[in-house]
PDB file of N, CA and C in Angstrom:
ATOM      1  N   MET A   1     -17.913  25.044  16.881  1.00  0.00           N
ATOM      2  CA  MET A   1     -18.826  23.442  16.836  1.00  0.00           C
ATOM      3  C   MET A   1     -20.086  23.480  17.140  1.00  0.00           C
ATOM      4  N   VAL A   2     -20.254  23.836  18.642  1.00  0.00           N
ATOM      5  CA  VAL A   2     -21.586  23.424  19.586  1.00  0.00           C
ATOM      6  C   VAL A   2     -22.199  24.918  19.926  1.00  0.00           C
ATOM      7  N   GLN A   3     -23.484  25.127  19.689  1.00  0.00           N
ATOM      8  CA  GLN A   3     -24.089  26.273  20.259  1.00  0.00           C
ATOM      9  C   GLN A   3     -24.106  25.904  21.635  1.00  0.00           C
ATOM     10  N   GLU A   4     -23.079  26.704  22.449  1.00  0.00           N
ATOM     11  CA  GLU A   4     -23.186  26.328  23.850  1.00  0.00           C
ATOM     12  C   GLU A   4     -23.313  27.534  24.519  1.00  0.00           C
ATOM     13  N   THR A   5     -23.601  27.544  26.100  1.00  0.00           N
ATOM     14  CA  THR A   5     -24.066  28.628  26.923  1.00  0.00           C
ATOM     15  C   THR A   5     -22.742  29.074  27.257  1.00  0.00           C
ATOM     16  N   VAL A   6     -21.595  28.277  27.622  1.00  0.00           N
ATOM     17  CA  VAL A   6     -20.470  28.796  28.329  1.00  0.00           C
ATOM     18  C   VAL A   6     -19.381  28.678  26.516  1.00  0.00           C
ATOM     19  N   ASP A   7     -18.603  29.353  26.603  1.00  0.00           N
ATOM     20  CA  ASP A   7     -17.741  29.651  25.230  1.00  0.00           C
ATOM     21  C   ASP A   7     -16.470  28.819  25.736  1.00  0.00           C
ATOM     22  N   ARG A   8     -16.195  27.621  25.154  1.00  0.00           N
ATOM     23  CA  ARG A   8     -14.953  26.388  25.049  1.00  0.00           C
ATOM     24  C   ARG A   8     -13.741  27.651  25.224  1.00  0.00           C
ATOM     25  N   VAL A   9     -13.689  27.788  24.199  1.00  0.00           N
ATOM     26  CA  VAL A   9     -12.388  28.655  23.665  1.00  0.00           C
ATOM     27  C   VAL A   9     -12.062  29.863  25.483  1.00  0.00           C
ATOM     28  N   ALA A  10     -13.118  30.182  25.756  1.00  0.00           N
ATOM     29  CA  ALA A  10     -12.668  31.293  26.930  1.00  0.00           C
ATOM     30  C   ALA A  10     -12.511  30.524  27.641  1.00  0.00           C
ATOM     31  N   LEU A  11     -13.279  29.153  27.907  1.00  0.00           N
ATOM     32  CA  LEU A  11     -12.997  28.372  29.021  1.00  0.00           C
ATOM     33  C   LEU A  11     -11.815  27.703  29.025  1.00  0.00           C
ATOM     34  N   LEU A  12     -11.358  27.142  28.378  1.00  0.00           N
ATOM     35  CA  LEU A  12      -9.940  27.002  28.184  1.00  0.00           C
ATOM     36  C   LEU A  12      -9.083  27.768  28.304  1.00  0.00           C
ATOM     37  N   ALA A  13      -9.436  28.824  28.069  1.00  0.00           N
ATOM     38  CA  ALA A  13      -8.106  29.658  28.084  1.00  0.00           C
ATOM     39  C   ALA A  13      -8.077  30.132  30.073  1.00  0.00           C
ATOM     40  N   ASP A  14      -9.810  30.291  30.623  1.00  0.00           N
ATOM     41  CA  ASP A  14      -9.595  30.310  32.179  1.00  0.00           C
ATOM     42  C   ASP A  14      -8.921  28.761  32.522  1.00  0.00           C
ATOM     43  N   ILE A  15      -9.289  27.678  32.287  1.00  0.00           N
ATOM     44  CA  ILE A  15      -8.637  26.841  33.155  1.00  0.00           C
ATOM     45  C   ILE A  15      -6.916  26.979  32.607  1.00  0.00           C
ATOM     46  N   ARG A  16      -6.410  27.485  31.649  1.00  0.00           N
ATOM     47  CA  ARG A  16      -5.057  27.419  31.637  1.00  0.00           C
ATOM     48  C   ARG A  16      -4.181  28.256  32.617  1.00  0.00           C
ATOM     49  N   VAL A  17      -4.938  29.909  32.796  1.00  0.00           N
ATOM     50  CA  VAL A  17      -4.929  30.574  33.589  1.00  0.00           C
ATOM     51  C   VAL A  17      -5.137  29.959  34.913  1.00  0.00           C
ATOM     52  N   LEU A  18      -5.783  29.184  35.466  1.00  0.00           N
ATOM     53  CA  LEU A  18      -6.225  28.829  36.540  1.00  0.00           C
ATOM     54  C   LEU A  18      -4.775  27.745  37.078  1.00  0.00           C
ATOM     55  N   THR A  19      -4.631  26.939  36.202  1.00  0.00           N
ATOM     56  CA  THR A  19      -3.722  25.555  36.297  1.00  0.00           C
ATOM     57  C   THR A  19      -1.985  26.175  36.793  1.00  0.00           C
ATOM     58  N   ALA A  20      -2.005  27.365  35.779  1.00  0.00           N
ATOM     59  CA  ALA A  20      -0.491  27.762  35.846  1.00  0.00           C
ATOM     60  C   ALA A  20      -0.422  28.900  37.207  1.00  0.00           C
ATOM     61  N   ALA A  21      -1.323  29.556  37.508  1.00  0.00           N
ATOM     62  CA  ALA A  21      -1.065  29.677  38.770  1.00  0.00           C
ATOM     63  C   ALA A  21      -0.880  28.935  39.800  1.00  0.00           C
ATOM     64  N   PRO A  22       0.330  30.005  40.720  1.00  0.00           N
ATOM     65  CA  PRO A  22       0.734  29.078  42.028  1.00  0.00           C
ATOM     66  C   PRO A  22      -0.718  28.775  43.090  1.00  0.00           C
ATOM     67  N   ALA A  23      -1.492  29.405  43.038  1.00  0.00           N
ATOM     68  CA  ALA A  23      -2.547  29.245  43.872  1.00  0.00           C
ATOM     69  C   ALA A  23      -3.566  30.337  43.544  1.00  0.00           C
ATOM     70  N   PRO A  24      -4.566  30.010  42.508  1.00  0.00           N
ATOM     71  CA  PRO A  24      -5.815  30.250  42.084  1.00  0.00           C
ATOM     72  C   PRO A  24      -6.528  30.115  43.363  1.00  0.00           C
ATOM     73  N   PRO A  25      -7.898  30.729  43.561  1.00  0.00           N
ATOM     74  CA  PRO A  25      -8.785  30.925  44.353  1.00  0.00           C
ATOM     75  C   PRO A  25      -9.616  29.479  44.429  1.00  0.00           C
ATOM     76  N   LEU A  26      -9.883  29.067  45.078  1.00  0.00           N
ATOM     77  CA  LEU A  26     -10.051  27.260  45.001  1.00  0.00           C
ATOM     78  C   LEU A  26     -11.861  27.687  44.720  1.00  0.00           C
ATOM     79  N   GLU A  27     -12.396  29.158  44.893  1.00  0.00           N
ATOM     80  CA  GLU A  27     -13.815  28.748  44.548  1.00  0.00           C
ATOM     81  C   GLU A  27     -14.312  28.966  42.784  1.00  0.00           C
ATOM     82  N   GLN A  28     -12.768  29.557  42.473  1.00  0.00           N
ATOM     83  CA  GLN A  28     -12.940  29.951  41.004  1.00  0.00           C
ATOM     84  C   GLN A  28     -12.601  28.668  40.154  1.00  0.00           C
ATOM     85  N   VAL A  29     -11.701  28.108  41.045  1.00  0.00           N
ATOM     86  CA  VAL A  29     -11.355  26.439  40.010  1.00  0.00           C
ATOM     87  C   VAL A  29     -12.722  25.465  39.874  1.00  0.00           C
ATOM     88  N   GLU A  30     -13.451  25.398  41.442  1.00  0.00           N
ATOM     89  CA  GLU A  30     -14.424  24.913  41.551  1.00  0.00           C
ATOM     90  C   GLU A  30     -15.646  25.486  40.352  1.00  0.00           C
ATOM     91  N   ARG A  31     -15.966  26.976  40.149  1.00  0.00           N
ATOM     92  CA  ARG A  31     -16.636  26.657  39.578  1.00  0.00           C
ATOM     93  C   ARG A  31     -16.391  26.943  38.197  1.00  0.00           C
ATOM     94  N   THR A  32     -15.189  26.911  37.631  1.00  0.00           N
ATOM     95  CA  THR A  32     -14.390  26.425  35.962  1.00  0.00           C
ATOM     96  C   THR A  32     -14.743  25.119  35.811  1.00  0.00           C
ATOM     97  N   LEU A  33     -14.375  24.443  36.613  1.00  0.00           N
ATOM     98  CA  LEU A  33     -15.034  23.061  36.521  1.00  0.00           C
ATOM     99  C   LEU A  33     -15.960  22.600  36.644  1.00  0.00           C
ATOM    100  N   ALA A  34     -17.191  23.616  36.623  1.00  0.00           N
ATOM    101  CA  ALA A  34     -18.703  22.589  36.477  1.00  0.00           C
ATOM    102  C   ALA A  34     -18.894  23.858  35.267  1.00  0.00           C
ATOM    103  N   ASP A  35     -18.002  24.368  35.200  1.00  0.00           N
ATOM    104  CA  ASP A  35     -18.671  25.329  33.485  1.00  0.00           C
ATOM    105  C   ASP A  35     -17.920  24.001  32.639  1.00  0.00           C
ATOM    106  N   GLY A  36     -16.899  23.721  32.960  1.00  0.00           N
ATOM    107  CA  GLY A  36     -15.989  22.540  31.904  1.00  0.00           C
ATOM    108  C   GLY A  36     -16.622  21.705  32.022  1.00  0.00           C
ATOM    109  N   TYR A  37     -17.427  21.183  32.982  1.00  0.00           N
ATOM    110  CA  TYR A  37     -17.641  19.804  32.794  1.00  0.00           C
ATOM    111  C   TYR A  37     -19.340  19.956  32.002  1.00  0.00           C
ATOM    112  N   ALA A  38     -19.518  20.924  32.338  1.00  0.00           N
ATOM    113  CA  ALA A  38     -21.165  21.402  31.495  1.00  0.00           C
ATOM    114  C   ALA A  38     -20.807  21.551  29.853  1.00  0.00           C
ATOM    115  N   CYS A  39     -19.498  22.250  29.576  1.00  0.00           N
ATOM    116  CA  CYS A  39     -19.480  22.718  28.350  1.00  0.00           C
ATOM    117  C   CYS A  39     -19.514  21.074  27.648  1.00  0.00           C
ATOM    118  N   ALA A  40     -18.450  20.013  28.452  1.00  0.00           N
ATOM    119  CA  ALA A  40     -17.905  19.057  27.683  1.00  0.00           C
ATOM    120  C   ALA A  40     -19.409  17.830  27.641  1.00  0.00           C
ATOM    121  N   LEU A  41     -20.694  17.773  28.347  1.00  0.00           N
ATOM    122  CA  LEU A  41     -21.794  17.280  28.257  1.00  0.00           C
ATOM    123  C   LEU A  41     -22.119  17.792  27.131  1.00  0.00           C
ATOM    124  N   GLY A  42     -22.011  19.304  26.419  1.00  0.00           N
ATOM    125  CA  GLY A  42     -22.980  19.633  25.640  1.00  0.00           C
ATOM    126  C   GLY A  42     -22.246  19.378  24.221  1.00  0.00           C
ATOM    127  N   ILE A  43     -20.641  19.331  24.160  1.00  0.00           N
ATOM    128  CA  ILE A  43     -20.477  18.955  23.364  1.00  0.00           C
ATOM    129  C   ILE A  43     -20.788  17.269  23.074  1.00  0.00           C
ATOM    130  N   GLU A  44     -20.620  16.622  24.091  1.00  0.00           N
ATOM    131  CA  GLU A  44     -21.573  14.973  24.006  1.00  0.00           C
ATOM    132  C   GLU A  44     -22.588  14.810  23.474  1.00  0.00           C
ATOM    133  N   ALA A  45     -23.493  15.814  23.840  1.00  0.00           N
ATOM    134  CA  ALA A  45     -24.540  15.830  23.106  1.00  0.00           C
ATOM    135  C   ALA A  45     -24.912  16.103  21.331  1.00  0.00           C
ATOM    136  N   GLN A  46     -23.920  16.983  21.349  1.00  0.00           N
ATOM    137  CA  GLN A  46     -24.157  17.388  19.937  1.00  0.00           C
ATOM    138  C   GLN A  46     -23.242  16.646  18.986  1.00  0.00           C
ATOM    139  N   ARG A  47     -22.330  15.769  19.603  1.00  0.00           N
ATOM    140  CA  ARG A  47     -21.652  14.619  18.852  1.00  0.00           C
ATOM    141  C   ARG A  47     -22.854  13.260  18.651  1.00  0.00           C
ATOM    142  N   ILE A  48     -23.044  13.174  20.110  1.00  0.00           N
ATOM    143  CA  ILE A  48     -24.232  12.343  19.537  1.00  0.00           C
ATOM    144  C   ILE A  48     -25.382  12.509  18.604  1.00  0.00           C
ATOM    145  N   ARG A  49     -25.855  13.383  18.333  1.00  0.00           N
ATOM    146  CA  ARG A  49     -27.335  13.777  17.661  1.00  0.00           C
ATOM    147  C   ARG A  49     -26.196  13.808  16.358  1.00  0.00           C
ATOM    148  N   LEU A  50     -25.116  14.257  16.286  1.00  0.00           N
ATOM    149  CA  LEU A  50     -24.447  13.977  14.652  1.00  0.00           C
ATOM    150  C   LEU A  50     -24.142  12.315  13.960  1.00  0.00           C
ATOM    151  N   GLN A  51     -23.890  11.860  15.139  1.00  0.00           N
ATOM    152  CA  GLN A  51     -23.730  10.441  14.949  1.00  0.00           C
ATOM    153  C   GLN A  51     -25.073   9.806  14.646  1.00  0.00           C
ATOM    154  N   ARG A  52     -26.281  10.298  15.444  1.00  0.00           N
ATOM    155  CA  ARG A  52     -27.354   9.648  15.001  1.00  0.00           C
ATOM    156  C   ARG A  52     -27.784   9.810  13.509  1.00  0.00           C
ATOM    157  N   GLU A  53     -27.635  11.272  13.163  1.00  0.00           N
ATOM    158  CA  GLU A  53     -28.138  11.952  11.905  1.00  0.00           C
ATOM    159  C   GLU A  53     -27.212  11.424  10.382  1.00  0.00           C
ATOM    160  N   LEU A  54     -25.549  11.228  11.054  1.00  0.00           N
ATOM    161  CA  LEU A  54     -24.785  10.688  10.072  1.00  0.00           C
ATOM    162  C   LEU A  54     -25.601   9.172   9.680  1.00  0.00           C
ATOM    163  N   GLU A  55     -25.582   8.397  10.960  1.00  0.00           N
ATOM    164  CA  GLU A  55     -26.288   6.576  10.740  1.00  0.00           C
ATOM    165  C   GLU A  55     -27.129   6.944   9.842  1.00  0.00           C
ATOM    166  N   GLY A  56     -28.510   7.524   9.855  1.00  0.00           N
ATOM    167  CA  GLY A  56     -29.505   7.600   9.556  1.00  0.00           C
ATOM    168  C   GLY A  56     -29.010   8.154   7.999  1.00  0.00           C
ATOM    169  N   GLN A  57     -28.783   9.207   7.513  1.00  0.00           N
ATOM    170  CA  GLN A  57     -27.951   9.471   6.022  1.00  0.00           C
ATOM    171  C   GLN A  57     -27.434   8.613   5.217  1.00  0.00           C
ATOM    172  N   ALA A  58     -26.095   7.707   6.150  1.00  0.00           N
ATOM    173  CA  ALA A  58     -25.540   6.879   5.395  1.00  0.00           C
ATOM    174  C   ALA A  58     -26.733   5.783   5.261  1.00  0.00           C
ATOM    175  N   ALA A  59     -27.691   5.184   5.905  1.00  0.00           N
ATOM    176  CA  ALA A  59     -28.335   4.540   5.833  1.00  0.00           C
ATOM    177  C   ALA A  59     -29.327   4.198   4.678  1.00  0.00           C
ATOM    178  N   GLY A  60     -29.336   5.806   4.157  1.00  0.00           N
ATOM    179  CA  GLY A  60     -30.421   6.281   2.951  1.00  0.00           C
ATOM    180  C   GLY A  60     -29.800   6.407   1.797  1.00  0.00           C
ATOM    181  N   LEU A  61     -28.266   6.561   1.835  1.00  0.00           N
ATOM    182  CA  LEU A  61     -27.563   6.627   0.332  1.00  0.00           C
ATOM    183  C   LEU A  61     -28.030   5.636  -0.785  1.00  0.00           C
ATOM    184  N   SER A  62     -27.589   6.107  -2.032  1.00  0.00           N
ATOM    185  CA  SER A  62     -27.934   5.683  -2.851  1.00  0.00           C
ATOM    186  C   SER A  62     -27.088   5.542  -4.164  1.00  0.00           C
ATOM    187  N   ALA A  63     -26.898   4.650  -4.888  1.00  0.00           N
ATOM    188  CA  ALA A  63     -25.715   5.005  -5.902  1.00  0.00           C
ATOM    189  C   ALA A  63     -25.867   6.534  -6.383  1.00  0.00           C
ATOM    190  N   ARG A  64     -27.184   7.271  -6.660  1.00  0.00           N
ATOM    191  CA  ARG A  64     -27.359   8.827  -6.983  1.00  0.00           C
ATOM    192  C   ARG A  64     -27.411   9.726  -6.288  1.00  0.00           C
ATOM    193  N   ALA A  65     -26.931   9.202  -5.183  1.00  0.00           N
ATOM    194  CA  ALA A  65     -27.059  10.333  -3.876  1.00  0.00           C
ATOM    195  C   ALA A  65     -25.939  11.171  -3.805  1.00  0.00           C
ATOM    196  N   GLY A  66     -25.461  12.122  -4.944  1.00  0.00           N
ATOM    197  CA  GLY A  66     -24.556  13.077  -4.436  1.00  0.00           C
ATOM    198  C   GLY A  66     -24.719  13.821  -3.764  1.00  0.00           C
ATOM    199  N   PRO A  67     -25.453  14.807  -3.577  1.00  0.00           N
ATOM    200  CA  PRO A  67     -26.156  15.473  -2.520  1.00  0.00           C
ATOM    201  C   PRO A  67     -25.712  15.094  -1.220  1.00  0.00           C
ATOM    202  N   LYS A  68     -26.239  14.065  -1.048  1.00  0.00           N
ATOM    203  CA  LYS A  68     -26.420  13.100   0.132  1.00  0.00           C
ATOM    204  C   LYS A  68     -24.812  12.902   0.603  1.00  0.00           C
ATOM    205  N   VAL A  69     -24.104  12.851  -0.311  1.00  0.00           N
ATOM    206  CA  VAL A  69     -22.662  12.294  -0.070  1.00  0.00           C
ATOM    207  C   VAL A  69     -21.894  13.157   0.752  1.00  0.00           C
ATOM    208  N   LYS A  70     -22.237  14.767   0.159  1.00  0.00           N
ATOM    209  CA  LYS A  70     -21.808  15.746   0.693  1.00  0.00           C
ATOM    210  C   LYS A  70     -22.359  16.178   2.646  1.00  0.00           C
ATOM    211  N   GLU A  71     -23.265  15.782   2.285  1.00  0.00           N
ATOM    212  CA  GLU A  71     -23.954  15.728   3.995  1.00  0.00           C
ATOM    213  C   GLU A  71     -23.068  14.840   4.551  1.00  0.00           C
ATOM    214  N   VAL A  72     -23.299  13.812   4.153  1.00  0.00           N
ATOM    215  CA  VAL A  72     -22.776  12.659   4.858  1.00  0.00           C
ATOM    216  C   VAL A  72     -21.153  13.098   5.587  1.00  0.00           C
ATOM    217  N   ALA A  73     -20.643  13.621   4.631  1.00  0.00           N
ATOM    218  CA  ALA A  73     -19.083  13.689   4.955  1.00  0.00           C
ATOM    219  C   ALA A  73     -19.233  15.328   5.793  1.00  0.00           C
ATOM    220  N   GLY A  74     -20.049  16.330   5.806  1.00  0.00           N
ATOM    221  CA  GLY A  74     -20.082  17.213   6.803  1.00  0.00           C
ATOM    222  C   GLY A  74     -20.468  16.604   8.372  1.00  0.00           C
ATOM    223  N   LEU A  75     -21.151  15.952   8.013  1.00  0.00           N
ATOM    224  CA  LEU A  75     -21.687  15.311   9.338  1.00  0.00           C
ATOM    225  C   LEU A  75     -20.214  14.478  10.242  1.00  0.00           C
ATOM    226  N   ALA A  76     -19.642  13.479   9.282  1.00  0.00           N
ATOM    227  CA  ALA A  76     -18.541  13.073   9.593  1.00  0.00           C
ATOM    228  C   ALA A  76     -17.286  13.796   9.907  1.00  0.00           C
ATOM    229  N   GLN A  77     -17.520  14.765   9.567  1.00  0.00           N
ATOM    230  CA  GLN A  77     -16.420  16.292   9.922  1.00  0.00           C
ATOM    231  C   GLN A  77     -16.835  16.398  11.194  1.00  0.00           C
ATOM    232  N   GLY A  78     -17.895  16.839  11.620  1.00  0.00           N
ATOM    233  CA  GLY A  78     -18.666  17.466  12.454  1.00  0.00           C
ATOM    234  C   GLY A  78     -18.576  16.468  13.739  1.00  0.00           C
ATOM    235  N   ILE A  79     -18.624  15.361  13.350  1.00  0.00           N
ATOM    236  CA  ILE A  79     -18.319  14.571  14.972  1.00  0.00           C
ATOM    237  C   ILE A  79     -16.719  14.092  14.944  1.00  0.00           C
ATOM    238  N   ALA A  80     -15.768  14.664  13.971  1.00  0.00           N
ATOM    239  CA  ALA A  80     -14.234  14.647  13.994  1.00  0.00           C
ATOM    240  C   ALA A  80     -14.270  15.828  14.877  1.00  0.00           C
ATOM    241  N   ARG A  81     -14.507  17.116  14.797  1.00  0.00           N
ATOM    242  CA  ARG A  81     -14.305  18.247  15.076  1.00  0.00           C
ATOM    243  C   ARG A  81     -14.733  18.098  16.811  1.00  0.00           C
ATOM    244  N   ALA A  82     -16.364  17.543  17.174  1.00  0.00           N
ATOM    245  CA  ALA A  82     -16.432  17.061  18.405  1.00  0.00           C
ATOM    246  C   ALA A  82     -15.538  16.482  19.280  1.00  0.00           C
ATOM    247  N   ASP A  83     -15.153  15.489  18.684  1.00  0.00           N
ATOM    248  CA  ASP A  83     -13.907  14.230  19.313  1.00  0.00           C
ATOM    249  C   ASP A  83     -12.448  15.244  19.693  1.00  0.00           C
ATOM    250  N   GLU A  84     -12.263  16.195  18.829  1.00  0.00           N
ATOM    251  CA  GLU A  84     -11.629  16.838  19.097  1.00  0.00           C
ATOM    252  C   GLU A  84     -11.664  17.830  20.315  1.00  0.00           C
ATOM    253  N   GLU A  85     -12.382  18.503  20.131  1.00  0.00           N
ATOM    254  CA  GLU A  85     -12.897  19.385  21.109  1.00  0.00           C
ATOM    255  C   GLU A  85     -12.969  18.417  22.697  1.00  0.00           C
ATOM    256  N   LEU A  86     -13.617  17.825  22.119  1.00  0.00           N
ATOM    257  CA  LEU A  86     -13.882  16.785  23.650  1.00  0.00           C
ATOM    258  C   LEU A  86     -12.232  16.563  24.322  1.00  0.00           C
ATOM    259  N   THR A  87     -11.327  16.203  23.513  1.00  0.00           N
ATOM    260  CA  THR A  87     -10.292  15.670  23.874  1.00  0.00           C
ATOM    261  C   THR A  87      -9.565  16.400  24.620  1.00  0.00           C
ATOM    262  N   GLU A  88      -9.482  17.931  23.759  1.00  0.00           N
ATOM    263  CA  GLU A  88      -8.835  18.985  24.360  1.00  0.00           C
ATOM    264  C   GLU A  88      -9.297  19.544  25.767  1.00  0.00           C
ATOM    265  N   LEU A  89     -10.561  19.680  25.883  1.00  0.00           N
ATOM    266  CA  LEU A  89     -11.317  19.992  27.087  1.00  0.00           C
ATOM    267  C   LEU A  89     -11.066  19.111  28.132  1.00  0.00           C
ATOM    268  N   ARG A  90     -11.261  17.790  27.959  1.00  0.00           N
ATOM    269  CA  ARG A  90     -11.068  16.921  28.897  1.00  0.00           C
ATOM    270  C   ARG A  90      -9.411  16.961  29.468  1.00  0.00           C
ATOM    271  N   GLY A  91      -8.596  17.034  28.298  1.00  0.00           N
ATOM    272  CA  GLY A  91      -7.554  17.209  29.340  1.00  0.00           C
ATOM    273  C   GLY A  91      -7.218  18.137  30.146  1.00  0.00           C
ATOM    274  N   ALA A  92      -7.793  19.247  29.759  1.00  0.00           N
ATOM    275  CA  ALA A  92      -7.631  20.571  30.275  1.00  0.00           C
ATOM    276  C   ALA A  92      -8.554  20.721  31.935  1.00  0.00           C
ATOM    277  N   LEU A  93      -9.419  19.619  31.714  1.00  0.00           N
ATOM    278  CA  LEU A  93      -9.893  19.509  33.003  1.00  0.00           C
ATOM    279  C   LEU A  93      -9.754  18.338  34.172  1.00  0.00           C
ATOM    280  N   VAL A  94      -8.804  17.837  33.185  1.00  0.00           N
ATOM    281  CA  VAL A  94      -7.766  17.049  34.409  1.00  0.00           C
ATOM    282  C   VAL A  94      -6.860  17.622  35.348  1.00  0.00           C
ATOM    283  N   GLU A  95      -5.978  18.596  34.413  1.00  0.00           N
ATOM    284  CA  GLU A  95      -5.713  19.407  34.909  1.00  0.00           C
ATOM    285  C   GLU A  95      -5.839  20.214  35.767  1.00  0.00           C
ATOM    286  N   LEU A  96      -7.174  21.098  35.477  1.00  0.00           N
ATOM    287  CA  LEU A  96      -7.900  21.689  36.986  1.00  0.00           C
ATOM    288  C   LEU A  96      -8.312  20.899  37.947  1.00  0.00           C
ATOM    289  N   ALA A  97      -8.870  19.827  37.995  1.00  0.00           N
ATOM    290  CA  ALA A  97      -8.686  19.116  38.821  1.00  0.00           C
ATOM    291  C   ALA A  97      -8.061  18.763  39.449  1.00  0.00           C
ATOM    292  N   GLN A  98      -6.782  18.558  38.900  1.00  0.00           N
ATOM    293  CA  GLN A  98      -5.473  18.445  39.928  1.00  0.00           C
ATOM    294  C   GLN A  98      -5.105  19.702  41.112  1.00  0.00           C
ATOM    295  N   THR A  99      -5.695  20.876  40.089  1.00  0.00           N
ATOM    296  CA  THR A  99      -5.222  21.841  41.042  1.00  0.00           C
ATOM    297  C   THR A  99      -6.171  22.191  42.228  1.00  0.00           C
ATOM    298  N   ALA A 100      -7.200  21.726  41.882  1.00  0.00           N
ATOM    299  CA  ALA A 100      -8.642  21.810  42.763  1.00  0.00           C
ATOM    300  C   ALA A 100      -8.038  20.808  44.364  1.00  0.00           C
ATOM    301  N   ARG A 101      -7.864  19.374  43.526  1.00  0.00           N
ATOM    302  CA  ARG A 101      -7.140  18.630  44.389  1.00  0.00           C
ATOM    303  C   ARG A 101      -6.148  19.204  45.495  1.00  0.00           C
ATOM    304  N   ARG A 102      -5.060  19.870  44.429  1.00  0.00           N
ATOM    305  CA  ARG A 102      -4.230  20.568  45.781  1.00  0.00           C
ATOM    306  C   ARG A 102      -4.538  21.396  46.694  1.00  0.00           C
ATOM    307  N   LEU A 103      -5.617  22.494  46.053  1.00  0.00           N
ATOM    308  CA  LEU A 103      -6.005  23.451  46.983  1.00  0.00           C
ATOM    309  C   LEU A 103      -6.328  23.021  48.144  1.00  0.00           C
ATOM    310  N   ARG A 104      -7.195  21.911  48.169  1.00  0.00           N
ATOM    311  CA  ARG A 104      -8.201  21.548  48.767  1.00  0.00           C
ATOM    312  C   ARG A 104      -7.231  20.814  49.985  1.00  0.00           C
ATOM    313  N   THR A 105      -5.927  20.343  50.097  1.00  0.00           N
ATOM    314  CA  THR A 105      -4.897  19.525  50.886  1.00  0.00           C
ATOM    315  C   THR A 105      -4.598  20.821  51.486  1.00  0.00           C
ATOM    316  N   PRO A 106      -4.399  20.444  52.763  1.00  0.00           N
ATOM    317  CA  PRO A 106      -4.370  21.388  53.751  1.00  0.00           C
ATOM    318  C   PRO A 106      -2.283  21.318  53.638  1.00  0.00           C
TER     319      PRO A 106
END
């Protein structure tokens, strides 16, 4: 979906490994949390750009705008994908943040 500096799929895999480990290194958990939050912000920014473009395209639709309809549908699908990616990433980040809290507790 998003051209991001952090690969979302690899990041999710790292999060799952860290949350499944009994005592992962706190530094690695915190670094992965930071990467995850940055990735989520990137996806959110892309979603906002898509939403604005979709709204602009939808406002310009006319009865004869066949290609425009396809473009608008593509934008709507991109927004839906971004929403799914954010939901998955945010859920994983919540679990990782809980792991970090557990590791910080003496």
